[in-house]
PDB file of N, CA and C in Angstrom:
ATOM      1  N   UNK A   1      91.484 -31.532 148.202  1.00  0.00           N
ATOM      2  CA  UNK A   1      90.691 -32.413 147.681  1.00  0.00           C
ATOM      3  C   UNK A   1      89.096 -32.506 148.671  1.00  0.00           C
ATOM      4  N   UNK A   2      88.246 -32.077 148.268  1.00  0.00           N
ATOM      5  CA  UNK A   2      87.020 -32.366 149.087  1.00  0.00           C
ATOM      6  C   UNK A   2      86.217 -33.935 148.487  1.00  0.00           C
ATOM      7  N   UNK A   3      85.477 -34.621 149.258  1.00  0.00           N
ATOM      8  CA  UNK A   3      85.036 -35.592 149.403  1.00  0.00           C
ATOM      9  C   UNK A   3      84.150 -35.532 148.077  1.00  0.00           C
ATOM     10  N   UNK A   4      83.145 -34.479 147.927  1.00  0.00           N
ATOM     11  CA  UNK A   4      82.537 -33.984 146.248  1.00  0.00           C
ATOM     12  C   UNK A   4      83.460 -34.260 145.249  1.00  0.00           C
ATOM     13  N   UNK A   5      84.579 -33.628 145.260  1.00  0.00           N
ATOM     14  CA  UNK A   5      85.437 -33.267 144.227  1.00  0.00           C
ATOM     15  C   UNK A   5      85.958 -34.776 143.587  1.00  0.00           C
ATOM     16  N   UNK A   6      86.283 -35.953 144.398  1.00  0.00           N
ATOM     17  CA  UNK A   6      86.896 -37.027 144.300  1.00  0.00           C
ATOM     18  C   UNK A   6      85.563 -37.948 143.859  1.00  0.00           C
ATOM     19  N   UNK A   7      84.450 -37.705 144.301  1.00  0.00           N
ATOM     20  CA  UNK A   7      83.203 -38.313 143.361  1.00  0.00           C
ATOM     21  C   UNK A   7      83.244 -37.994 142.036  1.00  0.00           C
ATOM     22  N   UNK A   8      83.141 -36.377 141.583  1.00  0.00           N
ATOM     23  CA  UNK A   8      83.217 -36.089 140.261  1.00  0.00           C
ATOM     24  C   UNK A   8      84.173 -36.839 139.652  1.00  0.00           C
ATOM     25  N   UNK A   9      85.621 -36.599 139.759  1.00  0.00           N
ATOM     26  CA  UNK A   9      86.607 -37.020 138.892  1.00  0.00           C
ATOM     27  C   UNK A   9      86.225 -38.743 139.096  1.00  0.00           C
ATOM     28  N   UNK A  10      85.978 -39.332 140.116  1.00  0.00           N
ATOM     29  CA  UNK A  10      85.399 -41.120 139.865  1.00  0.00           C
ATOM     30  C   UNK A  10      84.494 -40.931 138.578  1.00  0.00           C
ATOM     31  N   UNK A  11      83.682 -40.515 138.794  1.00  0.00           N
ATOM     32  CA  UNK A  11      81.979 -40.548 138.002  1.00  0.00           C
ATOM     33  C   UNK A  11      82.846 -39.897 136.200  1.00  0.00           C
ATOM     34  N   UNK A  12      83.780 -39.013 136.387  1.00  0.00           N
ATOM     35  CA  UNK A  12      84.314 -39.113 134.869  1.00  0.00           C
ATOM     36  C   UNK A  12      84.958 -40.313 134.530  1.00  0.00           C
ATOM     37  N   UNK A  13      85.946 -40.480 135.380  1.00  0.00           N
ATOM     38  CA  UNK A  13      86.578 -42.070 135.031  1.00  0.00           C
ATOM     39  C   UNK A  13      85.890 -42.763 134.724  1.00  0.00           C
ATOM     40  N   UNK A  14      84.552 -43.303 135.194  1.00  0.00           N
ATOM     41  CA  UNK A  14      84.260 -44.504 134.942  1.00  0.00           C
ATOM     42  C   UNK A  14      83.606 -43.923 133.627  1.00  0.00           C
ATOM     43  N   UNK A  15      83.028 -42.664 133.011  1.00  0.00           N
ATOM     44  CA  UNK A  15      82.377 -42.265 131.661  1.00  0.00           C
ATOM     45  C   UNK A  15      83.263 -42.743 130.315  1.00  0.00           C
ATOM     46  N   UNK A  16      84.499 -42.218 130.927  1.00  0.00           N
ATOM     47  CA  UNK A  16      85.593 -42.275 129.728  1.00  0.00           C
ATOM     48  C   UNK A  16      86.145 -43.656 129.591  1.00  0.00           C
ATOM     49  N   UNK A  17      85.751 -44.925 130.815  1.00  0.00           N
ATOM     50  CA  UNK A  17      85.796 -45.941 130.442  1.00  0.00           C
ATOM     51  C   UNK A  17      84.793 -46.836 129.671  1.00  0.00           C
ATOM     52  N   UNK A  18      83.429 -46.415 129.758  1.00  0.00           N
ATOM     53  CA  UNK A  18      82.145 -46.759 128.855  1.00  0.00           C
ATOM     54  C   UNK A  18      82.790 -46.743 127.635  1.00  0.00           C
ATOM     55  N   UNK A  19      83.061 -45.839 126.997  1.00  0.00           N
ATOM     56  CA  UNK A  19      83.318 -45.350 125.957  1.00  0.00           C
ATOM     57  C   UNK A  19      84.202 -46.911 125.141  1.00  0.00           C
ATOM     58  N   UNK A  20      85.456 -47.115 126.056  1.00  0.00           N
ATOM     59  CA  UNK A  20      86.305 -48.220 125.318  1.00  0.00           C
ATOM     60  C   UNK A  20      85.451 -49.556 125.506  1.00  0.00           C
ATOM     61  N   UNK A  21      84.286 -50.042 125.765  1.00  0.00           N
ATOM     62  CA  UNK A  21      83.829 -51.268 125.977  1.00  0.00           C
ATOM     63  C   UNK A  21      83.539 -51.604 124.856  1.00  0.00           C
ATOM     64  N   UNK A  22      83.688 -52.533 124.132  1.00  0.00           N
ATOM     65  CA  UNK A  22      83.217 -53.067 122.904  1.00  0.00           C
ATOM     66  C   UNK A  22      81.873 -53.929 123.122  1.00  0.00           C
ATOM     67  N   UNK A  23      80.975 -53.683 121.730  1.00  0.00           N
ATOM     68  CA  UNK A  23      80.191 -54.240 122.016  1.00  0.00           C
ATOM     69  C   UNK A  23      79.927 -55.939 121.851  1.00  0.00           C
ATOM     70  N   UNK A  24      78.635 -56.676 122.497  1.00  0.00           N
ATOM     71  CA  UNK A  24      78.506 -57.922 122.698  1.00  0.00           C
ATOM     72  C   UNK A  24      78.099 -58.429 121.625  1.00  0.00           C
ATOM     73  N   UNK A  25      78.399 -59.299 121.252  1.00  0.00           N
ATOM     74  CA  UNK A  25      77.802 -60.288 119.783  1.00  0.00           C
ATOM     75  C   UNK A  25      76.857 -61.132 120.032  1.00  0.00           C
ATOM     76  N   UNK A  26      75.646 -60.926 120.260  1.00  0.00           N
ATOM     77  CA  UNK A  26      74.466 -62.019 120.401  1.00  0.00           C
ATOM     78  C   UNK A  26      74.991 -63.476 119.476  1.00  0.00           C
ATOM     79  N   UNK A  27      75.560 -63.487 118.452  1.00  0.00           N
ATOM     80  CA  UNK A  27      75.485 -64.326 117.577  1.00  0.00           C
ATOM     81  C   UNK A  27      76.907 -65.081 117.442  1.00  0.00           C
ATOM     82  N   UNK A  28      77.782 -64.823 118.329  1.00  0.00           N
ATOM     83  CA  UNK A  28      79.487 -65.076 118.525  1.00  0.00           C
ATOM     84  C   UNK A  28      79.099 -66.888 119.069  1.00  0.00           C
ATOM     85  N   UNK A  29      78.255 -67.114 119.595  1.00  0.00           N
ATOM     86  CA  UNK A  29      78.304 -68.516 119.929  1.00  0.00           C
ATOM     87  C   UNK A  29      77.092 -69.404 119.535  1.00  0.00           C
ATOM     88  N   UNK A  30      76.631 -69.211 118.453  1.00  0.00           N
ATOM     89  CA  UNK A  30      75.543 -69.738 117.507  1.00  0.00           C
ATOM     90  C   UNK A  30      76.084 -71.179 117.538  1.00  0.00           C
ATOM     91  N   UNK A  31      75.334 -71.990 117.211  1.00  0.00           N
ATOM     92  CA  UNK A  31      75.687 -73.528 117.236  1.00  0.00           C
ATOM     93  C   UNK A  31      74.224 -73.838 116.048  1.00  0.00           C
ATOM     94  N   UNK A  32      74.573 -74.776 114.985  1.00  0.00           N
ATOM     95  CA  UNK A  32      73.351 -75.535 114.060  1.00  0.00           C
ATOM     96  C   UNK A  32      73.695 -77.183 114.859  1.00  0.00           C
ATOM     97  N   UNK A  33      72.668 -77.993 115.130  1.00  0.00           N
ATOM     98  CA  UNK A  33      72.670 -79.220 115.168  1.00  0.00           C
ATOM     99  C   UNK A  33      71.522 -79.446 115.692  1.00  0.00           C
ATOM    100  N   UNK A  34      71.258 -80.588 116.172  1.00  0.00           N
ATOM    101  CA  UNK A  34      69.987 -81.144 116.961  1.00  0.00           C
ATOM    102  C   UNK A  34      70.238 -81.325 118.410  1.00  0.00           C
ATOM    103  N   UNK A  35      69.135 -81.811 118.932  1.00  0.00           N
ATOM    104  CA  UNK A  35      68.856 -81.710 120.449  1.00  0.00           C
ATOM    105  C   UNK A  35      68.143 -83.235 120.537  1.00  0.00           C
ATOM    106  N   UNK A  36      68.685 -83.907 120.654  1.00  0.00           N
ATOM    107  CA  UNK A  36      67.390 -85.418 121.360  1.00  0.00           C
ATOM    108  C   UNK A  36      67.840 -85.886 122.876  1.00  0.00           C
ATOM    109  N   UNK A  37      66.690 -86.444 122.940  1.00  0.00           N
ATOM    110  CA  UNK A  37      66.846 -87.102 124.413  1.00  0.00           C
ATOM    111  C   UNK A  37      65.996 -88.112 124.409  1.00  0.00           C
ATOM    112  N   UNK A  38      66.197 -89.401 125.285  1.00  0.00           N
ATOM    113  CA  UNK A  38      65.317 -90.539 125.593  1.00  0.00           C
ATOM    114  C   UNK A  38      64.973 -90.120 126.924  1.00  0.00           C
ATOM    115  N   UNK A  39      63.723 -90.643 127.200  1.00  0.00           N
ATOM    116  CA  UNK A  39      62.999 -91.066 128.484  1.00  0.00           C
ATOM    117  C   UNK A  39      62.166 -91.878 128.872  1.00  0.00           C
ATOM    118  N   UNK A  40      62.232 -92.274 129.992  1.00  0.00           N
ATOM    119  CA  UNK A  40      61.400 -93.566 129.988  1.00  0.00           C
ATOM    120  C   UNK A  40      59.897 -93.243 130.613  1.00  0.00           C
ATOM    121  N   UNK A  41      60.187 -92.092 130.544  1.00  0.00           N
ATOM    122  CA  UNK A  41      58.362 -91.074 131.094  1.00  0.00           C
ATOM    123  C   UNK A  41      57.640 -90.918 129.682  1.00  0.00           C
ATOM    124  N   UNK A  42      56.318 -91.269 129.903  1.00  0.00           N
ATOM    125  CA  UNK A  42      55.687 -91.020 128.992  1.00  0.00           C
ATOM    126  C   UNK A  42      55.006 -89.852 128.781  1.00  0.00           C
ATOM    127  N   UNK A  43      54.518 -89.185 127.689  1.00  0.00           N
ATOM    128  CA  UNK A  43      54.228 -87.841 127.523  1.00  0.00           C
ATOM    129  C   UNK A  43      53.107 -87.779 128.527  1.00  0.00           C
ATOM    130  N   UNK A  44      52.069 -88.486 128.509  1.00  0.00           N
ATOM    131  CA  UNK A  44      51.162 -88.192 129.354  1.00  0.00           C
ATOM    132  C   UNK A  44      51.098 -88.208 131.014  1.00  0.00           C
ATOM    133  N   UNK A  45      52.245 -89.253 131.277  1.00  0.00           N
ATOM    134  CA  UNK A  45      53.080 -88.756 132.799  1.00  0.00           C
ATOM    135  C   UNK A  45      53.727 -87.295 133.084  1.00  0.00           C
ATOM    136  N   UNK A  46      54.477 -86.671 132.003  1.00  0.00           N
ATOM    137  CA  UNK A  46      54.695 -85.653 131.795  1.00  0.00           C
ATOM    138  C   UNK A  46      54.055 -84.499 131.894  1.00  0.00           C
ATOM    139  N   UNK A  47      52.417 -84.554 131.445  1.00  0.00           N
ATOM    140  CA  UNK A  47      51.921 -83.567 131.409  1.00  0.00           C
ATOM    141  C   UNK A  47      51.192 -83.696 133.036  1.00  0.00           C
ATOM    142  N   UNK A  48      50.509 -84.731 133.555  1.00  0.00           N
ATOM    143  CA  UNK A  48      50.255 -85.038 134.722  1.00  0.00           C
ATOM    144  C   UNK A  48      51.380 -84.424 135.597  1.00  0.00           C
ATOM    145  N   UNK A  49      52.625 -84.846 135.550  1.00  0.00           N
ATOM    146  CA  UNK A  49      53.317 -84.191 136.138  1.00  0.00           C
ATOM    147  C   UNK A  49      53.282 -82.461 136.322  1.00  0.00           C
ATOM    148  N   UNK A  50      53.127 -82.154 135.335  1.00  0.00           N
ATOM    149  CA  UNK A  50      53.875 -80.298 135.480  1.00  0.00           C
ATOM    150  C   UNK A  50      52.053 -80.126 135.414  1.00  0.00           C
ATOM    151  N   UNK A  51      50.804 -80.628 135.537  1.00  0.00           N
ATOM    152  CA  UNK A  51      49.477 -80.148 135.838  1.00  0.00           C
ATOM    153  C   UNK A  51      50.046 -79.930 137.451  1.00  0.00           C
ATOM    154  N   UNK A  52      50.388 -81.234 138.224  1.00  0.00           N
ATOM    155  CA  UNK A  52      50.685 -81.195 139.802  1.00  0.00           C
ATOM    156  C   UNK A  52      51.570 -80.313 139.980  1.00  0.00           C
ATOM    157  N   UNK A  53      52.207 -79.699 139.436  1.00  0.00           N
ATOM    158  CA  UNK A  53      53.583 -78.819 139.683  1.00  0.00           C
ATOM    159  C   UNK A  53      52.681 -77.441 139.778  1.00  0.00           C
ATOM    160  N   UNK A  54      51.390 -77.402 138.728  1.00  0.00           N
ATOM    161  CA  UNK A  54      51.173 -75.965 138.686  1.00  0.00           C
ATOM    162  C   UNK A  54      49.960 -75.855 139.423  1.00  0.00           C
ATOM    163  N   UNK A  55      49.378 -76.863 139.912  1.00  0.00           N
ATOM    164  CA  UNK A  55      48.641 -77.022 141.505  1.00  0.00           C
ATOM    165  C   UNK A  55      48.886 -76.480 142.390  1.00  0.00           C
ATOM    166  N   UNK A  56      50.254 -77.416 142.693  1.00  0.00           N
ATOM    167  CA  UNK A  56      51.229 -76.804 143.952  1.00  0.00           C
ATOM    168  C   UNK A  56      51.162 -75.150 144.172  1.00  0.00           C
ATOM    169  N   UNK A  57      51.501 -74.940 142.701  1.00  0.00           N
ATOM    170  CA  UNK A  57      51.930 -73.316 142.702  1.00  0.00           C
ATOM    171  C   UNK A  57      51.214 -72.402 142.949  1.00  0.00           C
ATOM    172  N   UNK A  58      49.854 -72.934 142.306  1.00  0.00           N
ATOM    173  CA  UNK A  58      48.558 -72.048 142.787  1.00  0.00           C
ATOM    174  C   UNK A  58      47.845 -71.843 144.177  1.00  0.00           C
ATOM    175  N   UNK A  59      48.234 -73.364 144.650  1.00  0.00           N
ATOM    176  CA  UNK A  59      48.113 -73.098 146.042  1.00  0.00           C
ATOM    177  C   UNK A  59      48.822 -72.074 147.080  1.00  0.00           C
ATOM    178  N   UNK A  60      49.933 -71.675 146.244  1.00  0.00           N
ATOM    179  CA  UNK A  60      50.803 -71.209 147.123  1.00  0.00           C
ATOM    180  C   UNK A  60      50.608 -69.432 147.492  1.00  0.00           C
TER     181      UNK A  60
END
Protein backbone atom coordinates (compact mmCIF):
# COMPACT_ATOMS: atom_id res chain seq x y z
CA UNK A 1 0.00 0.00 0.00
CA UNK A 2 1.53 3.29 -1.06
CA UNK A 3 1.29 6.53 0.81
CA UNK A 4 -1.16 7.97 -1.75
CA UNK A 5 -3.60 5.08 -1.42
CA UNK A 6 -3.55 5.49 2.38
CA UNK A 7 -4.54 9.14 2.00
CA UNK A 8 -7.39 8.23 -0.32
CA UNK A 9 -8.77 5.64 2.07
CA UNK A 10 -8.58 8.09 4.97
CA UNK A 11 -10.44 10.68 2.90
CA UNK A 12 -13.20 8.18 2.08
CA UNK A 13 -13.49 7.19 5.75
CA UNK A 14 -13.87 10.82 6.84
CA UNK A 15 -16.53 11.51 4.22
CA UNK A 16 -18.60 8.51 5.32
CA UNK A 17 -18.36 9.62 8.98
CA UNK A 18 -19.54 13.14 8.06
CA UNK A 19 -22.85 11.70 6.85
CA UNK A 20 -23.54 10.32 10.34
CA UNK A 21 -23.19 13.65 12.18
CA UNK A 22 -26.49 15.03 13.50
CA UNK A 23 -27.51 18.60 12.79
CA UNK A 24 -27.06 21.18 15.55
CA UNK A 25 -30.20 22.72 17.01
CA UNK A 26 -29.57 26.40 17.69
CA UNK A 27 -32.73 26.62 19.79
CA UNK A 28 -31.85 23.70 22.06
CA UNK A 29 -30.84 26.00 24.95
CA UNK A 30 -33.17 28.97 24.46
CA UNK A 31 -34.29 30.56 27.71
CA UNK A 32 -37.06 33.00 28.48
CA UNK A 33 -36.37 35.42 31.26
CA UNK A 34 -34.94 38.75 32.27
CA UNK A 35 -31.48 40.05 32.91
CA UNK A 36 -30.84 42.90 35.28
CA UNK A 37 -27.85 44.28 37.12
CA UNK A 38 -27.06 47.08 39.50
CA UNK A 39 -24.13 49.43 39.14
CA UNK A 40 -22.78 52.32 41.15
CA UNK A 41 -21.55 53.96 37.95
CA UNK A 42 -23.80 56.46 36.18
CA UNK A 43 -24.68 56.25 32.50
CA UNK A 44 -22.64 59.42 31.84
CA UNK A 45 -19.56 57.84 33.41
CA UNK A 46 -19.98 54.68 31.34
CA UNK A 47 -20.35 56.70 28.13
CA UNK A 48 -17.25 58.67 29.06
CA UNK A 49 -15.29 55.46 29.63
CA UNK A 50 -16.47 54.12 26.27
CA UNK A 51 -15.32 57.31 24.56
CA UNK A 52 -11.91 57.02 26.20
CA UNK A 53 -11.61 53.39 25.09
CA UNK A 54 -12.50 54.33 21.51
CA UNK A 55 -9.93 57.14 21.58
CA UNK A 56 -7.24 54.72 22.77
CA UNK A 57 -8.22 52.27 20.03
CA UNK A 58 -8.00 54.91 17.29
CA UNK A 59 -4.53 56.01 18.51
CA UNK A 60 -3.15 52.50 17.95
